[in-house]
């Protein structure tokens, strides 16, 4: 007498469904990563433009030698004005100016942060992902 096991009918369907779910999760993960990366690139561009704007807010420290000076107060004011002019708060949720540094009287570094909300996976990350970007600009006069 030969005892046969259960037939394998339906096993392929379970495998196909499992692989489809894994591929969909992988695709959603890649889409979320790309969304956060895109938000970071946009924030980096904004930080660069804010630093460039602040670097143009210089005064002449010595008119004879064409020496420039950028103060922390004018740089911070110019960064905030630039962010208001380009309506950055509308494009970046929870936008914050983390730091404005003036180095060597002519170099301005601006660090911004915002929250990125990846599509579809908001139920996994309801608060979003904090993205930080830093831009640097320098002003130099030559004769």
N, C-alpha and C. Protein backbone atom coordinates (compact mmCIF):
# COMPACT_ATOMS: atom_id res chain seq x y z
N UNK A 1 0.82 -1.15 0.00
CA UNK A 1 0.00 0.00 0.00
C UNK A 1 0.89 1.25 0.00
N UNK A 2 0.58 2.18 -0.86
CA UNK A 2 1.34 3.42 -1.00
C UNK A 2 0.53 4.57 -0.39
N UNK A 3 1.19 5.29 0.56
CA UNK A 3 0.52 6.43 1.18
C UNK A 3 1.04 7.70 0.51
N UNK A 4 0.14 8.42 -0.02
CA UNK A 4 0.53 9.66 -0.68
C UNK A 4 0.23 10.84 0.23
N UNK A 5 1.12 11.85 0.17
CA UNK A 5 0.90 13.08 0.93
C UNK A 5 -0.10 13.97 0.23
N UNK A 6 -0.33 15.07 0.83
CA UNK A 6 -1.25 16.03 0.22
C UNK A 6 -0.65 16.53 -1.08
N UNK A 7 -1.53 16.89 -1.97
CA UNK A 7 -1.05 17.41 -3.24
C UNK A 7 -0.50 18.82 -3.04
N UNK A 8 0.36 19.24 -3.95
CA UNK A 8 1.00 20.54 -3.86
C UNK A 8 0.22 21.65 -4.56
N UNK A 9 -1.01 21.40 -4.89
CA UNK A 9 -1.81 22.42 -5.55
C UNK A 9 -1.98 23.62 -4.61
N UNK A 10 -1.80 24.82 -5.15
CA UNK A 10 -1.96 26.03 -4.38
C UNK A 10 -0.67 26.56 -3.77
N UNK A 11 0.38 25.80 -3.75
CA UNK A 11 1.64 26.24 -3.17
C UNK A 11 2.26 27.37 -3.97
N UNK A 12 2.09 27.33 -5.27
CA UNK A 12 2.65 28.38 -6.13
C UNK A 12 1.95 29.71 -5.86
N UNK A 13 0.67 29.68 -5.62
CA UNK A 13 -0.08 30.92 -5.35
C UNK A 13 0.42 31.59 -4.08
N UNK A 14 0.68 30.83 -3.03
CA UNK A 14 1.19 31.38 -1.78
C UNK A 14 2.56 31.99 -2.01
N UNK A 15 3.39 31.31 -2.78
CA UNK A 15 4.73 31.83 -3.09
C UNK A 15 4.65 33.14 -3.87
N UNK A 16 3.79 33.20 -4.88
CA UNK A 16 3.64 34.41 -5.70
C UNK A 16 3.12 35.57 -4.85
N UNK A 17 2.16 35.30 -3.98
CA UNK A 17 1.64 36.36 -3.11
C UNK A 17 2.73 36.85 -2.17
N UNK A 18 3.50 35.96 -1.58
CA UNK A 18 4.59 36.34 -0.68
C UNK A 18 5.65 37.18 -1.38
N UNK A 19 6.06 36.76 -2.56
CA UNK A 19 7.06 37.51 -3.32
C UNK A 19 6.52 38.88 -3.73
N UNK A 20 5.25 38.94 -4.10
CA UNK A 20 4.63 40.22 -4.48
C UNK A 20 4.62 41.19 -3.30
N UNK A 21 4.29 40.70 -2.12
CA UNK A 21 4.29 41.55 -0.93
C UNK A 21 5.70 42.05 -0.63
N UNK A 22 6.68 41.19 -0.73
CA UNK A 22 8.07 41.60 -0.49
C UNK A 22 8.51 42.64 -1.51
N UNK A 23 8.17 42.47 -2.77
CA UNK A 23 8.55 43.43 -3.81
C UNK A 23 7.85 44.77 -3.57
N UNK A 24 6.58 44.75 -3.17
CA UNK A 24 5.87 46.00 -2.88
C UNK A 24 6.49 46.72 -1.68
N UNK A 25 6.84 46.00 -0.64
CA UNK A 25 7.49 46.63 0.51
C UNK A 25 8.84 47.21 0.13
N UNK A 26 9.59 46.51 -0.69
CA UNK A 26 10.88 47.01 -1.16
C UNK A 26 10.69 48.28 -1.98
N UNK A 27 9.69 48.30 -2.85
CA UNK A 27 9.41 49.47 -3.68
C UNK A 27 9.00 50.66 -2.82
N UNK A 28 8.16 50.44 -1.82
CA UNK A 28 7.75 51.53 -0.94
C UNK A 28 8.93 52.06 -0.13
N UNK A 29 9.82 51.18 0.28
CA UNK A 29 11.01 51.62 1.00
C UNK A 29 11.91 52.49 0.12
N UNK A 30 12.11 52.08 -1.11
CA UNK A 30 12.93 52.87 -2.05
C UNK A 30 12.27 54.21 -2.31
N UNK A 31 10.94 54.23 -2.47
CA UNK A 31 10.23 55.50 -2.70
C UNK A 31 10.38 56.43 -1.51
N UNK A 32 10.31 55.89 -0.29
CA UNK A 32 10.47 56.71 0.91
C UNK A 32 11.88 57.26 1.00
N UNK A 33 12.87 56.44 0.71
CA UNK A 33 14.27 56.90 0.74
C UNK A 33 14.49 57.99 -0.29
N UNK A 34 13.97 57.81 -1.47
CA UNK A 34 14.14 58.83 -2.52
C UNK A 34 13.43 60.12 -2.16
N UNK A 35 12.28 60.03 -1.50
CA UNK A 35 11.56 61.23 -1.08
C UNK A 35 12.37 62.02 -0.06
N UNK A 36 12.95 61.32 0.92
CA UNK A 36 13.76 62.00 1.93
C UNK A 36 15.02 62.59 1.29
N UNK A 37 15.62 61.86 0.35
CA UNK A 37 16.81 62.36 -0.35
C UNK A 37 16.48 63.61 -1.15
N UNK A 38 15.36 63.61 -1.82
CA UNK A 38 14.93 64.79 -2.59
C UNK A 38 14.69 65.98 -1.67
N UNK A 39 14.06 65.74 -0.53
CA UNK A 39 13.83 66.82 0.44
C UNK A 39 15.16 67.37 0.94
N UNK A 40 16.14 66.48 1.17
CA UNK A 40 17.46 66.92 1.62
C UNK A 40 18.14 67.78 0.57
N UNK A 41 18.05 67.39 -0.68
CA UNK A 41 18.67 68.17 -1.76
C UNK A 41 18.04 69.55 -1.89
N UNK A 42 16.73 69.61 -1.75
CA UNK A 42 16.05 70.91 -1.80
C UNK A 42 16.46 71.78 -0.62
N UNK A 43 16.56 71.17 0.55
CA UNK A 43 16.98 71.92 1.74
C UNK A 43 18.42 72.37 1.61
N UNK A 44 19.27 71.55 1.01
CA UNK A 44 20.67 71.93 0.78
C UNK A 44 20.75 73.12 -0.17
N UNK A 45 19.93 73.13 -1.20
CA UNK A 45 19.90 74.27 -2.12
C UNK A 45 19.44 75.53 -1.40
N UNK A 46 18.46 75.39 -0.52
CA UNK A 46 17.98 76.54 0.25
C UNK A 46 19.06 77.04 1.20
N UNK A 47 19.78 76.13 1.85
CA UNK A 47 20.86 76.54 2.77
C UNK A 47 21.97 77.25 2.01
N UNK A 48 22.30 76.77 0.81
CA UNK A 48 23.32 77.43 -0.01
C UNK A 48 22.88 78.84 -0.40
N UNK A 49 21.62 78.97 -0.82
CA UNK A 49 21.16 80.31 -1.23
C UNK A 49 21.05 81.25 -0.04
N UNK A 50 20.68 80.73 1.13
CA UNK A 50 20.62 81.58 2.32
C UNK A 50 22.02 82.02 2.74
N UNK A 51 23.00 81.12 2.64
CA UNK A 51 24.38 81.48 2.97
C UNK A 51 24.92 82.51 1.98
N UNK A 52 24.59 82.35 0.70
CA UNK A 52 25.03 83.32 -0.30
C UNK A 52 24.41 84.68 -0.05
N UNK A 53 23.15 84.69 0.33
CA UNK A 53 22.49 85.95 0.63
C UNK A 53 23.12 86.62 1.84
N UNK A 54 23.45 85.84 2.86
CA UNK A 54 24.09 86.40 4.05
C UNK A 54 25.50 86.87 3.77
N UNK A 55 26.19 86.21 2.85
CA UNK A 55 27.56 86.60 2.52
C UNK A 55 27.61 87.94 1.79
N UNK A 56 26.51 88.34 1.20
CA UNK A 56 26.48 89.63 0.51
C UNK A 56 26.13 90.78 1.46
N UNK A 57 25.85 90.47 2.71
CA UNK A 57 25.50 91.51 3.70
C UNK A 57 26.76 91.95 4.44
N UNK A 58 27.75 92.41 3.70
CA UNK A 58 29.02 92.79 4.31
C UNK A 58 29.12 94.30 4.43
N UNK A 59 30.04 94.73 5.26
CA UNK A 59 30.41 96.14 5.34
C UNK A 59 31.92 96.22 5.14
N UNK A 60 32.38 97.37 4.73
CA UNK A 60 33.81 97.56 4.56
C UNK A 60 34.45 97.87 5.91
N UNK A 61 35.30 96.98 6.37
CA UNK A 61 36.00 97.20 7.64
C UNK A 61 37.11 98.21 7.46
N UNK A 62 37.77 98.16 6.32
CA UNK A 62 38.86 99.10 6.02
C UNK A 62 38.74 99.48 4.55
N UNK A 63 38.21 100.66 4.24
CA UNK A 63 38.02 101.06 2.84
C UNK A 63 39.33 101.14 2.05
N UNK A 64 40.42 101.45 2.71
CA UNK A 64 41.71 101.56 2.02
C UNK A 64 42.20 100.20 1.53
N UNK A 65 42.06 99.19 2.36
CA UNK A 65 42.56 97.86 2.01
C UNK A 65 41.47 96.97 1.44
N UNK A 66 40.27 97.49 1.29
CA UNK A 66 39.11 96.72 0.84
C UNK A 66 38.89 95.48 1.69
N UNK A 67 39.00 95.66 3.00
CA UNK A 67 38.75 94.57 3.94
C UNK A 67 37.26 94.52 4.27
N UNK A 68 36.70 93.33 4.21
CA UNK A 68 35.27 93.14 4.46
C UNK A 68 35.04 92.60 5.86
N UNK A 69 33.82 92.85 6.33
CA UNK A 69 33.43 92.30 7.63
C UNK A 69 31.94 91.96 7.56
N UNK A 70 31.61 90.74 7.98
CA UNK A 70 30.22 90.32 8.10
C UNK A 70 29.99 89.99 9.57
N UNK A 71 29.00 90.62 10.16
CA UNK A 71 28.71 90.36 11.56
C UNK A 71 27.67 89.24 11.68
N UNK A 72 27.66 88.62 12.82
CA UNK A 72 26.71 87.54 13.07
C UNK A 72 25.27 88.05 13.00
N UNK A 73 25.05 89.25 13.52
CA UNK A 73 23.71 89.81 13.54
C UNK A 73 23.19 90.09 12.13
N UNK A 74 24.03 90.69 11.28
CA UNK A 74 23.58 90.97 9.91
C UNK A 74 23.41 89.68 9.12
N UNK A 75 24.27 88.71 9.35
CA UNK A 75 24.14 87.43 8.64
C UNK A 75 22.85 86.73 9.04
N UNK A 76 22.56 86.69 10.33
CA UNK A 76 21.33 86.04 10.80
C UNK A 76 20.10 86.77 10.27
N UNK A 77 20.13 88.07 10.31
CA UNK A 77 19.01 88.86 9.79
C UNK A 77 18.81 88.61 8.30
N UNK A 78 19.90 88.56 7.55
CA UNK A 78 19.80 88.34 6.11
C UNK A 78 19.29 86.93 5.79
N UNK A 79 19.71 85.94 6.57
CA UNK A 79 19.21 84.56 6.37
C UNK A 79 17.71 84.50 6.61
N UNK A 80 17.25 85.09 7.70
CA UNK A 80 15.82 85.09 8.00
C UNK A 80 15.02 85.85 6.94
N UNK A 81 15.56 86.96 6.47
CA UNK A 81 14.89 87.73 5.41
C UNK A 81 14.83 86.92 4.12
N UNK A 82 15.90 86.23 3.80
CA UNK A 82 15.93 85.41 2.58
C UNK A 82 14.89 84.29 2.66
N UNK A 83 14.82 83.63 3.80
CA UNK A 83 13.85 82.54 3.96
C UNK A 83 12.42 83.06 3.86
N UNK A 84 12.18 84.27 4.33
CA UNK A 84 10.86 84.88 4.21
C UNK A 84 10.56 85.24 2.76
N UNK A 85 11.55 85.80 2.07
CA UNK A 85 11.35 86.22 0.67
C UNK A 85 11.03 85.05 -0.25
N UNK A 86 11.66 83.92 -0.04
CA UNK A 86 11.42 82.77 -0.92
C UNK A 86 10.30 81.87 -0.41
N UNK A 87 9.63 82.30 0.67
CA UNK A 87 8.51 81.57 1.27
C UNK A 87 8.88 80.12 1.56
N UNK A 88 10.04 79.95 2.19
CA UNK A 88 10.56 78.62 2.46
C UNK A 88 9.72 77.85 3.47
N UNK A 89 9.09 78.54 4.39
CA UNK A 89 8.28 77.86 5.41
C UNK A 89 7.09 77.14 4.80
N UNK A 90 6.63 77.59 3.63
CA UNK A 90 5.51 76.94 2.95
C UNK A 90 5.94 75.63 2.29
N UNK A 91 7.21 75.56 1.88
CA UNK A 91 7.70 74.38 1.17
C UNK A 91 8.34 73.34 2.07
N UNK A 92 8.77 73.75 3.26
CA UNK A 92 9.48 72.84 4.16
C UNK A 92 8.77 72.81 5.51
N UNK A 93 8.16 71.68 5.87
CA UNK A 93 7.50 71.59 7.17
C UNK A 93 8.52 71.70 8.32
N UNK A 94 8.18 72.46 9.32
CA UNK A 94 9.01 72.62 10.53
C UNK A 94 10.41 73.12 10.19
N UNK A 95 10.51 74.07 9.29
CA UNK A 95 11.81 74.64 8.91
C UNK A 95 12.38 75.44 10.07
N UNK A 96 13.65 75.17 10.36
CA UNK A 96 14.34 75.89 11.45
C UNK A 96 15.74 76.27 11.00
N UNK A 97 16.16 77.44 11.43
CA UNK A 97 17.55 77.85 11.25
C UNK A 97 18.29 77.34 12.48
N UNK A 98 19.07 76.30 12.29
CA UNK A 98 19.78 75.69 13.41
C UNK A 98 20.97 76.54 13.85
N UNK A 99 21.69 77.05 12.85
CA UNK A 99 22.91 77.79 13.19
C UNK A 99 23.32 78.68 12.03
N UNK A 100 23.80 79.86 12.38
CA UNK A 100 24.44 80.77 11.42
C UNK A 100 25.80 81.11 12.01
N UNK A 101 26.86 80.75 11.28
CA UNK A 101 28.22 81.03 11.76
C UNK A 101 28.93 81.94 10.77
N UNK A 102 29.67 82.89 11.31
CA UNK A 102 30.52 83.75 10.49
C UNK A 102 31.96 83.42 10.86
N UNK A 103 32.71 83.00 9.87
CA UNK A 103 34.10 82.59 10.09
C UNK A 103 35.02 83.51 9.31
N UNK A 104 36.01 84.02 9.98
CA UNK A 104 37.01 84.84 9.30
C UNK A 104 36.47 86.11 8.68
N UNK A 105 35.41 86.66 9.18
CA UNK A 105 34.81 87.92 8.73
C UNK A 105 34.19 87.87 7.34
N UNK A 106 34.43 86.83 6.54
CA UNK A 106 33.89 86.83 5.17
C UNK A 106 33.20 85.53 4.80
N UNK A 107 33.21 84.53 5.63
CA UNK A 107 32.59 83.24 5.31
C UNK A 107 31.38 83.03 6.21
N UNK A 108 30.27 82.67 5.59
CA UNK A 108 29.03 82.43 6.32
C UNK A 108 28.61 80.98 6.10
N UNK A 109 28.30 80.30 7.20
CA UNK A 109 27.79 78.93 7.14
C UNK A 109 26.41 78.92 7.77
N UNK A 110 25.45 78.35 7.03
CA UNK A 110 24.07 78.30 7.49
C UNK A 110 23.66 76.83 7.59
N UNK A 111 23.11 76.46 8.73
CA UNK A 111 22.61 75.10 8.92
C UNK A 111 21.10 75.17 9.13
N UNK A 112 20.36 74.46 8.27
CA UNK A 112 18.91 74.43 8.33
C UNK A 112 18.43 73.01 8.61
N UNK A 113 17.26 72.90 9.20
CA UNK A 113 16.64 71.59 9.38
C UNK A 113 15.16 71.70 9.06
N UNK A 114 14.61 70.60 8.59
CA UNK A 114 13.19 70.52 8.27
C UNK A 114 12.75 69.07 8.45
N UNK A 115 11.46 68.85 8.36
CA UNK A 115 10.92 67.50 8.50
C UNK A 115 10.46 67.01 7.14
N UNK A 116 10.90 65.83 6.76
CA UNK A 116 10.47 65.20 5.52
C UNK A 116 9.43 64.13 5.86
N UNK A 117 8.34 64.12 5.13
CA UNK A 117 7.30 63.12 5.33
C UNK A 117 7.25 62.22 4.10
N UNK A 118 7.84 61.04 4.19
CA UNK A 118 7.84 60.13 3.04
C UNK A 118 6.42 59.68 2.70
N UNK A 119 6.13 59.51 1.41
CA UNK A 119 4.78 59.09 1.02
C UNK A 119 4.51 57.64 1.43
N UNK A 120 3.27 57.34 1.66
CA UNK A 120 2.73 56.01 1.94
C UNK A 120 3.16 55.44 3.29
N UNK A 121 4.39 55.67 3.72
CA UNK A 121 4.87 55.05 4.97
C UNK A 121 4.68 55.98 6.17
N UNK A 122 3.77 56.93 6.08
CA UNK A 122 3.51 57.82 7.21
C UNK A 122 2.98 57.06 8.42
N UNK A 123 2.39 55.92 8.22
CA UNK A 123 1.91 55.13 9.35
C UNK A 123 3.06 54.50 10.12
N UNK A 124 4.21 54.35 9.48
CA UNK A 124 5.40 53.83 10.16
C UNK A 124 6.16 54.97 10.82
N UNK A 125 6.25 56.11 10.13
CA UNK A 125 6.97 57.29 10.62
C UNK A 125 6.01 58.48 10.67
N UNK A 126 5.09 58.51 11.63
CA UNK A 126 4.10 59.60 11.63
C UNK A 126 4.70 60.98 11.89
N UNK A 127 5.82 61.04 12.60
CA UNK A 127 6.45 62.33 12.88
C UNK A 127 7.35 62.78 11.74
N UNK A 128 7.63 61.91 10.80
CA UNK A 128 8.51 62.26 9.69
C UNK A 128 9.96 62.04 10.05
N UNK A 129 10.82 62.46 9.14
CA UNK A 129 12.27 62.32 9.30
C UNK A 129 12.88 63.71 9.30
N UNK A 130 13.70 64.00 10.30
CA UNK A 130 14.35 65.31 10.37
C UNK A 130 15.54 65.30 9.41
N UNK A 131 15.56 66.28 8.52
CA UNK A 131 16.61 66.41 7.52
C UNK A 131 17.39 67.69 7.84
N UNK A 132 18.71 67.61 7.81
CA UNK A 132 19.56 68.76 8.10
C UNK A 132 20.48 69.01 6.92
N UNK A 133 20.67 70.29 6.59
CA UNK A 133 21.57 70.65 5.49
C UNK A 133 22.38 71.88 5.89
N UNK A 134 23.59 71.94 5.37
CA UNK A 134 24.48 73.04 5.69
C UNK A 134 25.05 73.64 4.40
N UNK A 135 24.96 74.96 4.29
CA UNK A 135 25.50 75.67 3.14
C UNK A 135 26.52 76.70 3.57
N UNK A 136 27.53 76.90 2.75
CA UNK A 136 28.60 77.85 3.05
C UNK A 136 28.82 78.75 1.86
N UNK A 137 29.06 80.04 2.14
CA UNK A 137 29.38 81.01 1.09
C UNK A 137 30.42 81.98 1.62
N UNK A 138 31.24 82.48 0.70
CA UNK A 138 32.30 83.41 1.07
C UNK A 138 32.27 84.61 0.13
N UNK A 139 32.52 85.77 0.71
CA UNK A 139 32.62 86.99 -0.08
C UNK A 139 34.08 87.40 -0.14
N UNK A 140 34.48 87.78 -1.34
CA UNK A 140 35.89 88.18 -1.51
C UNK A 140 35.94 89.30 -2.56
N UNK A 141 36.65 90.35 -2.23
CA UNK A 141 36.86 91.44 -3.17
C UNK A 141 38.28 91.37 -3.70
N UNK A 142 38.41 91.56 -4.99
CA UNK A 142 39.75 91.59 -5.59
C UNK A 142 39.90 92.88 -6.37
N UNK A 143 41.13 93.31 -6.48
CA UNK A 143 41.39 94.54 -7.23
C UNK A 143 41.79 94.22 -8.64
